[in-house]
Amino acid sequence: MMTKSLQGTKEFLNDIVSISDFNRGKAAQIFKTLEESHRKIIVRNNHPIGILLSIEAFTELTEEAENNALLAEAVQRIMHNKPTYSMQEVMDTLGISAKELEETQADEFV
């Protein structure tokens, strides 16, 4: 049985692709495996030069970065005693109902 650490190392090594593989006509195969692994590390002369991400992985990273930026901004506001508002206070001020908000969020996934 493989330990979690070794399994992670194996997955990482499987994600490494030489730029030469693209030049040898293996791009279709690389992109097919990208759907499964969600990332490929591109190397040239055994040095990493770039990363390919699946749309899913890119979206996840983007959302995580946005959430971290919002968290950092919230922490700064709290540290500097700037006023904070509850979600309900903001919705009341803008005249948005909970039902409207739910409908808007549901529309994003259609």
N, C-alpha and C. Protein backbone atom coordinates (compact mmCIF):
# COMPACT_ATOMS: atom_id res chain seq x y z
N MET A 1 0.85 -1.18 0.00
CA MET A 1 0.00 0.00 0.00
C MET A 1 0.89 1.24 0.00
N MET A 2 0.60 2.17 -0.89
CA MET A 2 1.40 3.37 -1.03
C MET A 2 0.96 4.43 -0.02
N THR A 3 1.93 5.08 0.63
CA THR A 3 1.59 6.13 1.57
C THR A 3 1.06 7.33 0.82
N LYS A 4 0.36 8.20 1.54
CA LYS A 4 -0.21 9.40 0.93
C LYS A 4 0.87 10.28 0.32
N SER A 5 2.00 10.39 1.01
CA SER A 5 3.11 11.20 0.53
C SER A 5 3.67 10.66 -0.78
N LEU A 6 3.87 9.35 -0.84
CA LEU A 6 4.41 8.74 -2.05
C LEU A 6 3.41 8.83 -3.20
N GLN A 7 2.14 8.68 -2.88
CA GLN A 7 1.12 8.79 -3.91
C GLN A 7 1.10 10.21 -4.49
N GLY A 8 1.23 11.21 -3.62
CA GLY A 8 1.29 12.59 -4.08
C GLY A 8 2.50 12.85 -4.96
N THR A 9 3.63 12.25 -4.59
CA THR A 9 4.85 12.39 -5.39
C THR A 9 4.66 11.74 -6.75
N LYS A 10 4.05 10.57 -6.78
CA LYS A 10 3.81 9.87 -8.04
C LYS A 10 2.89 10.71 -8.93
N GLU A 11 1.82 11.26 -8.37
CA GLU A 11 0.90 12.11 -9.14
C GLU A 11 1.63 13.33 -9.68
N PHE A 12 2.48 13.93 -8.86
CA PHE A 12 3.25 15.10 -9.27
C PHE A 12 4.15 14.75 -10.45
N LEU A 13 4.85 13.63 -10.34
CA LEU A 13 5.76 13.21 -11.41
C LEU A 13 4.99 12.89 -12.70
N ASN A 14 3.79 12.35 -12.56
CA ASN A 14 2.96 12.06 -13.74
C ASN A 14 2.48 13.34 -14.42
N ASP A 15 2.49 14.45 -13.70
CA ASP A 15 2.03 15.72 -14.25
C ASP A 15 3.12 16.45 -15.04
N ILE A 16 4.34 15.95 -14.99
CA ILE A 16 5.45 16.60 -15.70
C ILE A 16 5.46 16.15 -17.16
N VAL A 17 5.51 17.13 -18.06
CA VAL A 17 5.51 16.86 -19.50
C VAL A 17 6.63 17.67 -20.13
N SER A 18 7.41 17.02 -20.99
CA SER A 18 8.48 17.72 -21.70
C SER A 18 7.90 18.49 -22.88
N ILE A 19 8.44 19.65 -23.12
CA ILE A 19 8.03 20.44 -24.29
C ILE A 19 8.25 19.64 -25.57
N SER A 20 9.22 18.73 -25.54
CA SER A 20 9.49 17.87 -26.70
C SER A 20 8.28 17.01 -27.05
N ASP A 21 7.49 16.60 -26.03
CA ASP A 21 6.30 15.80 -26.30
C ASP A 21 5.30 16.56 -27.17
N PHE A 22 5.21 17.86 -26.97
CA PHE A 22 4.33 18.66 -27.83
C PHE A 22 4.86 18.66 -29.26
N ASN A 23 6.17 18.77 -29.39
CA ASN A 23 6.78 18.80 -30.72
C ASN A 23 6.70 17.45 -31.43
N ARG A 24 6.49 16.39 -30.67
CA ARG A 24 6.40 15.04 -31.26
C ARG A 24 4.96 14.64 -31.56
N GLY A 25 4.05 15.60 -31.52
CA GLY A 25 2.67 15.31 -31.87
C GLY A 25 1.85 14.66 -30.78
N LYS A 26 2.26 14.81 -29.53
CA LYS A 26 1.53 14.20 -28.41
C LYS A 26 0.61 15.19 -27.70
N ALA A 27 0.37 16.33 -28.31
CA ALA A 27 -0.46 17.36 -27.65
C ALA A 27 -1.84 16.84 -27.31
N ALA A 28 -2.49 16.13 -28.23
CA ALA A 28 -3.84 15.62 -27.98
C ALA A 28 -3.87 14.70 -26.76
N GLN A 29 -2.86 13.85 -26.65
CA GLN A 29 -2.76 12.94 -25.51
C GLN A 29 -2.54 13.73 -24.21
N ILE A 30 -1.71 14.74 -24.27
CA ILE A 30 -1.42 15.57 -23.08
C ILE A 30 -2.70 16.27 -22.62
N PHE A 31 -3.45 16.84 -23.56
CA PHE A 31 -4.68 17.54 -23.19
C PHE A 31 -5.74 16.57 -22.67
N LYS A 32 -5.76 15.37 -23.18
CA LYS A 32 -6.70 14.37 -22.67
C LYS A 32 -6.39 14.04 -21.20
N THR A 33 -5.12 13.86 -20.88
CA THR A 33 -4.75 13.55 -19.50
C THR A 33 -4.92 14.78 -18.60
N LEU A 34 -4.90 15.97 -19.20
CA LEU A 34 -5.12 17.21 -18.42
C LEU A 34 -6.52 17.21 -17.82
N GLU A 35 -7.48 16.64 -18.54
CA GLU A 35 -8.85 16.56 -18.04
C GLU A 35 -8.92 15.74 -16.76
N GLU A 36 -8.03 14.77 -16.62
CA GLU A 36 -8.03 13.89 -15.45
C GLU A 36 -7.20 14.47 -14.31
N SER A 37 -6.01 14.96 -14.63
CA SER A 37 -5.09 15.40 -13.58
C SER A 37 -5.26 16.87 -13.21
N HIS A 38 -5.86 17.67 -14.11
CA HIS A 38 -6.15 19.09 -13.90
C HIS A 38 -4.93 20.00 -13.97
N ARG A 39 -3.73 19.43 -14.12
CA ARG A 39 -2.54 20.28 -14.29
C ARG A 39 -1.46 19.50 -15.00
N LYS A 40 -0.64 20.22 -15.72
CA LYS A 40 0.56 19.65 -16.34
C LYS A 40 1.67 20.66 -16.16
N ILE A 41 2.82 20.18 -15.73
CA ILE A 41 3.99 21.02 -15.55
C ILE A 41 4.87 20.82 -16.78
N ILE A 42 5.09 21.88 -17.52
CA ILE A 42 5.86 21.79 -18.76
C ILE A 42 7.32 22.08 -18.44
N VAL A 43 8.20 21.17 -18.90
CA VAL A 43 9.64 21.34 -18.67
C VAL A 43 10.38 21.38 -20.00
N ARG A 44 11.46 22.13 -20.01
CA ARG A 44 12.39 22.15 -21.14
C ARG A 44 13.78 22.00 -20.55
N ASN A 45 14.52 21.05 -21.04
CA ASN A 45 15.85 20.74 -20.50
C ASN A 45 15.79 20.50 -18.99
N ASN A 46 14.76 19.78 -18.57
CA ASN A 46 14.55 19.41 -17.16
C ASN A 46 14.30 20.59 -16.22
N HIS A 47 13.92 21.74 -16.77
CA HIS A 47 13.60 22.92 -15.95
C HIS A 47 12.16 23.33 -16.22
N PRO A 48 11.38 23.55 -15.18
CA PRO A 48 9.99 23.95 -15.39
C PRO A 48 9.90 25.31 -16.09
N ILE A 49 9.04 25.38 -17.11
CA ILE A 49 8.88 26.65 -17.83
C ILE A 49 7.44 27.13 -17.83
N GLY A 50 6.51 26.28 -17.42
CA GLY A 50 5.12 26.70 -17.41
C GLY A 50 4.21 25.63 -16.86
N ILE A 51 2.95 26.02 -16.68
CA ILE A 51 1.94 25.10 -16.16
C ILE A 51 0.68 25.22 -17.00
N LEU A 52 0.13 24.09 -17.38
CA LEU A 52 -1.18 24.04 -18.02
C LEU A 52 -2.19 23.66 -16.95
N LEU A 53 -3.29 24.37 -16.89
CA LEU A 53 -4.34 24.06 -15.94
C LEU A 53 -5.63 23.76 -16.67
N SER A 54 -6.40 22.83 -16.13
CA SER A 54 -7.73 22.60 -16.66
C SER A 54 -8.60 23.81 -16.28
N ILE A 55 -9.71 23.97 -16.96
CA ILE A 55 -10.63 25.06 -16.64
C ILE A 55 -11.08 24.95 -15.19
N GLU A 56 -11.35 23.73 -14.76
CA GLU A 56 -11.79 23.50 -13.38
C GLU A 56 -10.74 23.96 -12.38
N ALA A 57 -9.49 23.59 -12.61
CA ALA A 57 -8.41 23.98 -11.70
C ALA A 57 -8.19 25.49 -11.73
N PHE A 58 -8.25 26.08 -12.93
CA PHE A 58 -8.08 27.53 -13.05
C PHE A 58 -9.19 28.27 -12.31
N THR A 59 -10.42 27.83 -12.48
CA THR A 59 -11.56 28.46 -11.80
C THR A 59 -11.40 28.36 -10.30
N GLU A 60 -11.00 27.19 -9.82
CA GLU A 60 -10.81 26.99 -8.39
C GLU A 60 -9.73 27.93 -7.84
N LEU A 61 -8.61 28.04 -8.55
CA LEU A 61 -7.53 28.93 -8.11
C LEU A 61 -7.96 30.39 -8.14
N THR A 62 -8.69 30.76 -9.18
CA THR A 62 -9.16 32.15 -9.29
C THR A 62 -10.11 32.49 -8.15
N GLU A 63 -11.05 31.60 -7.87
CA GLU A 63 -11.99 31.84 -6.78
C GLU A 63 -11.27 31.90 -5.44
N GLU A 64 -10.29 31.05 -5.26
CA GLU A 64 -9.52 31.04 -4.02
C GLU A 64 -8.76 32.36 -3.85
N ALA A 65 -8.18 32.86 -4.94
CA ALA A 65 -7.46 34.13 -4.89
C ALA A 65 -8.41 35.28 -4.56
N GLU A 66 -9.59 35.27 -5.17
CA GLU A 66 -10.59 36.31 -4.90
C GLU A 66 -11.03 36.26 -3.44
N ASN A 67 -11.27 35.05 -2.93
CA ASN A 67 -11.67 34.90 -1.53
C ASN A 67 -10.57 35.38 -0.58
N ASN A 68 -9.32 35.08 -0.90
CA ASN A 68 -8.21 35.54 -0.06
C ASN A 68 -8.10 37.06 -0.08
N ALA A 69 -8.31 37.67 -1.25
CA ALA A 69 -8.26 39.13 -1.33
C ALA A 69 -9.38 39.75 -0.50
N LEU A 70 -10.57 39.17 -0.56
CA LEU A 70 -11.68 39.68 0.24
C LEU A 70 -11.41 39.51 1.73
N LEU A 71 -10.84 38.38 2.09
CA LEU A 71 -10.50 38.14 3.50
C LEU A 71 -9.48 39.15 3.98
N ALA A 72 -8.45 39.40 3.18
CA ALA A 72 -7.42 40.37 3.56
C ALA A 72 -8.02 41.76 3.73
N GLU A 73 -8.93 42.12 2.84
CA GLU A 73 -9.59 43.43 2.95
C GLU A 73 -10.44 43.50 4.22
N ALA A 74 -11.15 42.43 4.53
CA ALA A 74 -11.98 42.39 5.74
C ALA A 74 -11.12 42.51 6.99
N VAL A 75 -10.00 41.80 7.01
CA VAL A 75 -9.10 41.87 8.17
C VAL A 75 -8.56 43.29 8.34
N GLN A 76 -8.19 43.94 7.23
CA GLN A 76 -7.69 45.32 7.30
C GLN A 76 -8.76 46.25 7.86
N ARG A 77 -9.98 46.08 7.42
CA ARG A 77 -11.07 46.94 7.92
C ARG A 77 -11.29 46.74 9.41
N ILE A 78 -11.26 45.49 9.83
CA ILE A 78 -11.47 45.20 11.25
C ILE A 78 -10.32 45.76 12.08
N MET A 79 -9.09 45.61 11.58
CA MET A 79 -7.92 46.09 12.32
C MET A 79 -7.92 47.61 12.44
N HIS A 80 -8.50 48.30 11.47
CA HIS A 80 -8.52 49.76 11.50
C HIS A 80 -9.86 50.31 11.97
N ASN A 81 -10.63 49.47 12.64
CA ASN A 81 -11.92 49.87 13.23
C ASN A 81 -12.85 50.55 12.25
N LYS A 82 -12.80 50.14 11.00
CA LYS A 82 -13.75 50.67 10.03
C LYS A 82 -15.08 49.96 10.25
N PRO A 83 -16.16 50.65 9.98
CA PRO A 83 -17.47 50.02 10.24
C PRO A 83 -17.68 48.78 9.36
N THR A 84 -18.35 47.81 9.95
CA THR A 84 -18.70 46.61 9.21
C THR A 84 -20.22 46.50 9.16
N TYR A 85 -20.72 45.81 8.15
CA TYR A 85 -22.16 45.69 7.97
C TYR A 85 -22.51 44.23 7.73
N SER A 86 -23.63 43.83 8.28
CA SER A 86 -24.09 42.47 8.04
C SER A 86 -24.65 42.36 6.63
N MET A 87 -24.76 41.16 6.16
CA MET A 87 -25.33 40.93 4.82
C MET A 87 -26.74 41.49 4.76
N GLN A 88 -27.50 41.29 5.84
CA GLN A 88 -28.88 41.77 5.87
C GLN A 88 -28.93 43.29 5.80
N GLU A 89 -28.02 43.97 6.48
CA GLU A 89 -27.98 45.44 6.43
C GLU A 89 -27.70 45.93 5.01
N VAL A 90 -26.77 45.28 4.33
CA VAL A 90 -26.44 45.66 2.96
C VAL A 90 -27.62 45.40 2.04
N MET A 91 -28.26 44.25 2.19
CA MET A 91 -29.41 43.93 1.35
C MET A 91 -30.55 44.92 1.59
N ASP A 92 -30.78 45.27 2.85
CA ASP A 92 -31.84 46.25 3.16
C ASP A 92 -31.53 47.60 2.53
N THR A 93 -30.27 48.04 2.63
CA THR A 93 -29.86 49.33 2.08
C THR A 93 -30.03 49.35 0.57
N LEU A 94 -29.71 48.24 -0.09
CA LEU A 94 -29.80 48.17 -1.55
C LEU A 94 -31.17 47.75 -2.05
N GLY A 95 -32.05 47.38 -1.12
CA GLY A 95 -33.40 46.97 -1.50
C GLY A 95 -33.44 45.62 -2.18
N ILE A 96 -32.58 44.70 -1.75
CA ILE A 96 -32.51 43.36 -2.32
C ILE A 96 -33.12 42.38 -1.33
N SER A 97 -34.03 41.54 -1.81
CA SER A 97 -34.62 40.52 -0.94
C SER A 97 -33.80 39.24 -1.03
N ALA A 98 -33.98 38.39 -0.03
CA ALA A 98 -33.28 37.10 -0.02
C ALA A 98 -33.71 36.26 -1.22
N LYS A 99 -34.98 36.37 -1.60
CA LYS A 99 -35.49 35.61 -2.75
C LYS A 99 -34.81 36.07 -4.04
N GLU A 100 -34.66 37.38 -4.21
CA GLU A 100 -33.98 37.91 -5.41
C GLU A 100 -32.54 37.43 -5.48
N LEU A 101 -31.89 37.42 -4.33
CA LEU A 101 -30.50 36.96 -4.27
C LEU A 101 -30.40 35.49 -4.65
N GLU A 102 -31.29 34.67 -4.12
CA GLU A 102 -31.30 33.24 -4.45
C GLU A 102 -31.54 33.02 -5.94
N GLU A 103 -32.46 33.78 -6.53
CA GLU A 103 -32.77 33.65 -7.95
C GLU A 103 -31.56 34.05 -8.79
N THR A 104 -30.87 35.10 -8.39
CA THR A 104 -29.68 35.54 -9.12
C THR A 104 -28.59 34.48 -9.07
N GLN A 105 -28.37 33.89 -7.90
CA GLN A 105 -27.36 32.85 -7.76
C GLN A 105 -27.74 31.62 -8.55
N ALA A 106 -29.02 31.27 -8.59
CA ALA A 106 -29.47 30.11 -9.35
C ALA A 106 -29.25 30.35 -10.85
N ASP A 107 -29.44 31.58 -11.32
CA ASP A 107 -29.25 31.89 -12.73
C ASP A 107 -27.81 31.73 -13.18
N GLU A 108 -26.85 31.87 -12.26
CA GLU A 108 -25.44 31.73 -12.61
C GLU A 108 -25.10 30.32 -13.09
N PHE A 109 -25.85 29.34 -12.63
CA PHE A 109 -25.52 27.94 -12.92
C PHE A 109 -26.39 27.36 -14.03
N VAL A 110 -27.15 28.20 -14.70
CA VAL A 110 -28.01 27.70 -15.78
C VAL A 110 -27.27 27.75 -17.09
